[in-house]
Amino acid sequence: MDDQKTLVARLLYICEQASEAILEIYQNTDFQVQKKADNSPVTQADMAAHEIINSALQELTPDIPQLSEEDSSVTFSQRQEWPKFWCIDPLDGTKEFINRNDEFTINIALIENHRPILGIVYVPVTGTAYWGGTQVGAWKKCKGKAPVHIRSRPLGEKLVITASRRHGQEKNDKLLQPLSRHFRQISNKGVGSSLKMCLIAEGLADFYPRLFPTSEWDTAAGQAVVEAAGGRFVNASNLEPLTYNQKESLENPFFYVCGDPQFPLEEIARRR
C-alpha cells in the first residue's frame, strides 16, 4: 500500500485506538512507572499503545517491518537491510504523561531510503492530529472538525522559539545570542514531546534548537510533518536533513528545526 492518502486514513484510526488505551490508563492516577535499561521511564500506557500499533500495522502493511521504542529485539544487522520501515514512538513524552500536563503524543513515521516520507503526530488528550508526507502535504485535524492544510511561516520581526520544558535552555540561550540583531523580539514557548515540531509546522513558532539527546523515533514523524509544511529539519553539525537507520546507535545528532528555509542557520552553525 503506497498511497499516502489511504495510509493516513488508516493511521488516524490506529492512533485513535491507541489513544483510547493510553487515556484509560492516564485517567487512573495510580498507574505504575518502571525504568528501562537506559533509565528512562515506561508505563503501562507505553506498552498498551505499542501492542495496538504493532498489531494494526502488521495487518495493514505486513511486508513493512517496524522499529518501535518499546521493542528492543530488532538488531542493527536486521534493520540495516530494510529499505522501508515504520518508525514508532507509541507514547512520546512519557515524562509529560507521568507529570500529567497533557503534552504527550503518538508518533508514527514511514521511512524510505533513510528519510521520513510520511508521518503522523497524534495528541491523545485533545484528539488533535498532525500529518505530513511527500505526496499529501501537511495537515492538522482537530477533533470533530475537518482537516486544514498547514504551512510553516516566513520570518518576521518577532522570533518565537519552541523548546523542551526539561532540557538545554542554557545552551539555547547562548546559541541564540547572535540572532538578537536579526529580530526586534525573541520569545520562548515551552512545550513537551513532538508538539514543538508541530507548532513550527502550523506557523505558531519559528525555531526549535535541540542540543540534547533524542532518539530516531522521537523525531521521524515530526520531521515528515515539518518538511511537508515547508520547513527544515537538519543536523546541527552539517545542516543536512536528519537521516535514519544508518548506524547501530539510534541516538540522533543534535538538530535544528526552522519554519522558514531562509532562517540564518549557517550563522548559528559557525558560532557553535
Protein backbone atom coordinates (compact mmCIF):
# COMPACT_ATOMS: atom_id res chain seq x y z
CA MET A 1 0.00 0.00 0.00
CA ASP A 2 1.85 3.09 -1.27
CA ASP A 3 -0.99 5.62 -1.50
CA GLN A 4 -0.25 8.10 1.30
CA LYS A 5 -3.79 9.47 1.46
CA THR A 6 -5.14 5.98 2.11
CA LEU A 7 -2.38 5.29 4.63
CA VAL A 8 -3.19 8.48 6.55
CA ALA A 9 -6.83 7.46 6.93
CA ARG A 10 -5.78 4.10 8.38
CA LEU A 11 -3.10 5.66 10.59
CA LEU A 12 -5.64 8.06 12.06
CA TYR A 13 -7.82 5.13 13.05
CA ILE A 14 -4.86 3.27 14.56
CA CYS A 15 -3.88 6.35 16.57
CA GLU A 16 -7.44 6.73 17.82
CA GLN A 17 -7.42 3.13 19.07
CA ALA A 18 -4.03 3.55 20.76
CA SER A 19 -5.18 6.86 22.23
CA GLU A 20 -8.17 5.22 23.90
CA ALA A 21 -5.87 2.73 25.62
CA ILE A 22 -3.49 5.50 26.71
CA LEU A 23 -6.26 7.68 28.15
CA GLU A 24 -7.83 4.81 30.05
CA ILE A 25 -4.56 4.44 31.94
CA TYR A 26 -3.93 8.21 32.13
CA GLN A 27 -7.23 8.72 33.92
CA ASN A 28 -6.19 6.18 36.55
CA THR A 29 -3.87 8.14 38.83
CA ASP A 30 -2.13 5.11 40.36
CA PHE A 31 -0.55 3.72 37.15
CA GLN A 32 2.88 2.12 37.58
CA VAL A 33 6.12 3.63 36.32
CA GLN A 34 9.13 1.42 35.59
CA LYS A 35 12.67 2.14 34.41
CA LYS A 36 14.16 0.80 31.18
CA ALA A 37 17.80 -0.16 30.72
CA ASP A 38 18.71 3.43 29.79
CA ASN A 39 16.95 4.68 32.96
CA SER A 40 14.14 6.31 31.00
CA PRO A 41 10.59 5.77 32.32
CA VAL A 42 7.98 3.48 30.81
CA THR A 43 4.35 2.94 31.81
CA GLN A 44 1.54 0.52 31.02
CA ALA A 45 0.28 3.14 28.58
CA ASP A 46 3.50 2.96 26.51
CA MET A 47 3.18 -0.80 26.25
CA ALA A 48 -0.58 -0.84 25.59
CA ALA A 49 -0.18 1.65 22.73
CA HIS A 50 2.77 -0.34 21.36
CA GLU A 51 0.75 -3.55 21.22
CA ILE A 52 -2.16 -1.87 19.42
CA ILE A 53 0.03 -0.08 16.86
CA ASN A 54 2.25 -3.10 16.25
CA SER A 55 -0.69 -5.40 15.60
CA ALA A 56 -2.55 -2.91 13.41
CA LEU A 57 0.48 -2.08 11.24
CA GLN A 58 1.27 -5.77 10.79
CA GLU A 59 -2.23 -6.22 9.40
CA LEU A 60 -2.13 -3.03 7.32
CA THR A 61 1.34 -3.44 5.80
CA PRO A 62 2.60 -6.97 6.53
CA ASP A 63 5.65 -6.51 4.29
CA ILE A 64 6.92 -3.37 6.05
CA PRO A 65 8.94 -4.00 9.24
CA GLN A 66 8.61 -1.90 12.38
CA LEU A 67 11.10 -0.15 14.64
CA SER A 68 9.41 0.86 17.90
CA GLU A 69 10.79 2.38 21.06
CA GLU A 70 9.11 -0.39 23.03
CA ASP A 71 10.61 -3.30 21.07
CA SER A 72 14.30 -3.82 21.78
CA SER A 73 14.52 -7.14 19.90
CA VAL A 74 15.45 -5.67 16.50
CA THR A 75 19.20 -5.73 15.83
CA PHE A 76 21.20 -3.43 13.55
CA SER A 77 22.13 -6.38 11.33
CA GLN A 78 18.40 -6.91 10.74
CA ARG A 79 17.31 -3.34 10.21
CA GLN A 80 20.23 -2.27 8.05
CA GLU A 81 18.67 -4.45 5.33
CA TRP A 82 15.40 -2.51 5.45
CA PRO A 83 14.78 -0.13 2.51
CA LYS A 84 11.49 0.91 4.11
CA PHE A 85 10.14 0.64 7.67
CA TRP A 86 7.79 2.13 10.23
CA CYS A 87 9.48 4.18 12.97
CA ILE A 88 7.21 4.40 16.02
CA ASP A 89 7.07 6.06 19.40
CA PRO A 90 3.85 4.72 20.94
CA LEU A 91 3.94 7.39 23.66
CA ASP A 92 6.29 10.31 23.09
CA GLY A 93 6.62 12.41 26.22
CA THR A 94 6.32 9.73 28.89
CA LYS A 95 7.60 12.23 31.47
CA GLU A 96 4.84 14.62 30.46
CA PHE A 97 2.36 11.73 30.83
CA ILE A 98 3.69 10.97 34.32
CA ASN A 99 3.51 14.65 35.31
CA ARG A 100 0.01 14.87 33.86
CA ASN A 101 0.46 18.03 31.80
CA ASP A 102 -1.29 16.52 28.72
CA GLU A 103 1.67 17.22 26.37
CA PHE A 104 2.33 13.72 25.05
CA THR A 105 1.82 12.26 21.60
CA ILE A 106 1.73 9.14 19.45
CA ASN A 107 4.34 9.27 16.66
CA ILE A 108 4.30 7.03 13.59
CA ALA A 109 6.55 7.63 10.56
CA LEU A 110 7.25 5.74 7.36
CA ILE A 111 10.95 5.79 6.47
CA GLU A 112 12.20 5.03 2.97
CA ASN A 113 15.86 5.15 1.93
CA HIS A 114 16.74 6.67 5.33
CA ARG A 115 14.33 9.62 5.02
CA PRO A 116 10.85 10.10 6.54
CA ILE A 117 8.32 10.23 3.71
CA LEU A 118 5.13 10.19 5.81
CA GLY A 119 4.46 10.93 9.46
CA ILE A 120 1.59 11.42 11.90
CA VAL A 121 1.70 13.02 15.34
CA TYR A 122 -1.45 12.39 17.39
CA VAL A 123 -2.33 14.12 20.68
CA PRO A 124 -4.45 11.75 22.80
CA VAL A 125 -5.82 14.29 25.29
CA THR A 126 -7.26 16.62 22.64
CA GLY A 127 -7.73 14.21 19.73
CA THR A 128 -5.71 16.56 17.53
CA ALA A 129 -3.70 15.04 14.68
CA TYR A 130 -0.90 16.46 12.55
CA TRP A 131 0.36 14.65 9.49
CA GLY A 132 2.57 15.28 6.51
CA GLY A 133 4.06 13.41 3.61
CA THR A 134 5.79 13.73 0.28
CA GLN A 135 2.51 13.07 -1.59
CA VAL A 136 -0.05 14.75 0.65
CA GLY A 137 1.40 17.99 2.06
CA ALA A 138 0.91 18.89 5.74
CA TRP A 139 -2.35 18.88 7.65
CA LYS A 140 -3.91 19.41 11.07
CA LYS A 141 -7.19 17.92 12.24
CA CYS A 142 -8.90 18.94 15.46
CA LYS A 143 -11.43 16.57 16.98
CA GLY A 144 -14.83 16.88 15.32
CA LYS A 145 -13.58 19.24 12.60
CA ALA A 146 -12.41 18.88 9.02
CA PRO A 147 -8.65 18.73 8.32
CA VAL A 148 -6.95 22.00 7.42
CA HIS A 149 -3.82 22.46 5.34
CA ILE A 150 -0.90 23.90 7.35
CA ARG A 151 2.27 25.73 6.34
CA SER A 152 5.23 27.00 8.31
CA ARG A 153 5.56 30.77 8.35
CA PRO A 154 8.16 33.17 6.97
CA LEU A 155 10.40 35.01 9.40
CA GLY A 156 9.25 38.37 10.71
CA GLU A 157 10.44 40.87 13.29
CA LYS A 158 9.44 38.60 16.18
CA LEU A 159 11.11 35.22 16.65
CA VAL A 160 9.28 32.51 18.61
CA ILE A 161 11.47 29.71 19.92
CA THR A 162 9.89 26.43 20.91
CA ALA A 163 11.97 24.38 23.32
CA SER A 164 11.89 21.46 25.70
CA ARG A 165 10.44 22.04 29.14
CA ARG A 166 13.27 19.95 30.58
CA HIS A 167 16.46 20.15 28.58
CA GLY A 168 19.06 22.52 27.27
CA GLN A 169 17.71 26.02 27.98
CA GLU A 170 21.15 27.37 28.96
CA LYS A 171 22.66 26.05 25.71
CA ASN A 172 19.76 27.50 23.75
CA ASP A 173 20.20 30.96 25.30
CA LYS A 174 23.88 31.00 24.34
CA LEU A 175 23.06 29.76 20.85
CA LEU A 176 20.51 32.49 20.28
CA GLN A 177 22.67 35.44 21.31
CA PRO A 178 23.97 36.11 17.76
CA LEU A 179 20.39 36.18 16.46
CA SER A 180 19.31 39.14 18.57
CA ARG A 181 20.40 41.62 15.89
CA HIS A 182 18.06 39.99 13.34
CA PHE A 183 14.85 40.32 15.38
CA ARG A 184 13.05 43.01 17.34
CA GLN A 185 11.80 40.47 19.88
CA ILE A 186 12.69 36.86 20.81
CA SER A 187 10.33 34.84 22.98
CA ASN A 188 10.22 31.24 24.18
CA LYS A 189 7.30 28.82 24.08
CA GLY A 190 8.00 25.73 26.22
CA VAL A 191 6.12 22.58 25.27
CA GLY A 192 6.66 18.83 25.58
CA SER A 193 7.10 15.94 23.14
CA SER A 194 6.73 16.31 19.35
CA LEU A 195 4.35 19.21 19.78
CA LYS A 196 7.36 21.53 19.44
CA MET A 197 7.79 20.44 15.84
CA CYS A 198 4.07 20.70 15.14
CA LEU A 199 3.99 24.32 16.37
CA ILE A 200 6.59 25.14 13.74
CA ALA A 201 4.74 23.20 11.03
CA GLU A 202 1.50 25.11 11.66
CA GLY A 203 3.20 28.52 11.79
CA LEU A 204 2.92 29.24 15.52
CA ALA A 205 6.67 29.12 16.18
CA ASP A 206 9.83 29.70 14.16
CA PHE A 207 12.77 27.77 15.56
CA TYR A 208 13.45 24.67 17.67
CA PRO A 209 17.10 24.05 18.57
CA ARG A 210 17.74 20.64 20.12
CA LEU A 211 21.16 20.36 21.75
CA PHE A 212 20.27 17.43 23.97
CA PRO A 213 19.96 13.72 23.11
CA THR A 214 16.93 12.28 21.34
CA SER A 215 16.24 9.01 19.53
CA GLU A 216 15.12 8.41 15.98
CA TRP A 217 11.53 7.54 16.94
CA ASP A 218 11.30 10.91 18.74
CA THR A 219 11.81 12.89 15.55
CA ALA A 220 10.85 10.90 12.45
CA ALA A 221 7.12 11.71 12.38
CA GLY A 222 7.67 15.35 13.31
CA GLN A 223 10.30 15.73 10.61
CA ALA A 224 7.88 14.42 7.97
CA VAL A 225 5.27 16.96 9.08
CA VAL A 226 7.70 19.90 9.24
CA GLU A 227 9.23 19.18 5.84
CA ALA A 228 5.81 18.73 4.23
CA ALA A 229 4.82 22.10 5.73
CA GLY A 230 7.80 23.81 4.08
CA GLY A 231 10.27 23.88 6.97
CA ARG A 232 13.76 22.49 7.54
CA PHE A 233 14.81 19.75 9.97
CA VAL A 234 18.59 19.43 9.95
CA ASN A 235 21.64 18.00 11.67
CA ALA A 236 23.20 20.81 13.74
CA SER A 237 26.72 19.85 12.60
CA ASN A 238 26.35 19.82 8.82
CA LEU A 239 22.89 21.39 8.27
CA GLU A 240 21.82 18.39 6.20
CA PRO A 241 18.39 16.78 6.77
CA LEU A 242 18.31 14.17 9.54
CA THR A 243 18.56 10.60 8.26
CA TYR A 244 17.50 7.34 9.85
CA ASN A 245 18.70 3.78 10.39
CA GLN A 246 22.25 4.34 9.16
CA LYS A 247 24.15 3.30 12.27
CA GLU A 248 23.90 0.90 15.19
CA SER A 249 23.02 3.64 17.68
CA LEU A 250 19.52 5.06 17.33
CA GLU A 251 20.51 8.32 19.02
CA ASN A 252 20.09 11.40 16.85
CA PRO A 253 22.71 14.08 16.38
CA PHE A 254 21.80 17.48 17.78
CA PHE A 255 19.46 19.23 15.37
CA TYR A 256 17.67 22.43 14.38
CA VAL A 257 14.10 22.81 13.16
CA CYS A 258 13.02 26.03 11.45
CA GLY A 259 9.86 27.05 9.69
CA ASP A 260 11.44 29.41 7.17
CA PRO A 261 14.12 27.80 4.96
CA GLN A 262 15.85 31.22 4.93
CA PHE A 263 16.45 31.09 8.70
CA PRO A 264 20.14 32.03 9.37
CA LEU A 265 21.21 28.53 10.39
CA GLU A 266 24.66 28.94 8.84
CA GLU A 267 25.40 31.83 11.20
CA ILE A 268 24.44 29.72 14.21
CA ALA A 269 26.45 26.75 12.98
CA ARG A 270 29.60 28.88 12.62
CA ARG A 271 29.34 30.07 16.21
CA ARG A 272 28.60 26.75 17.89
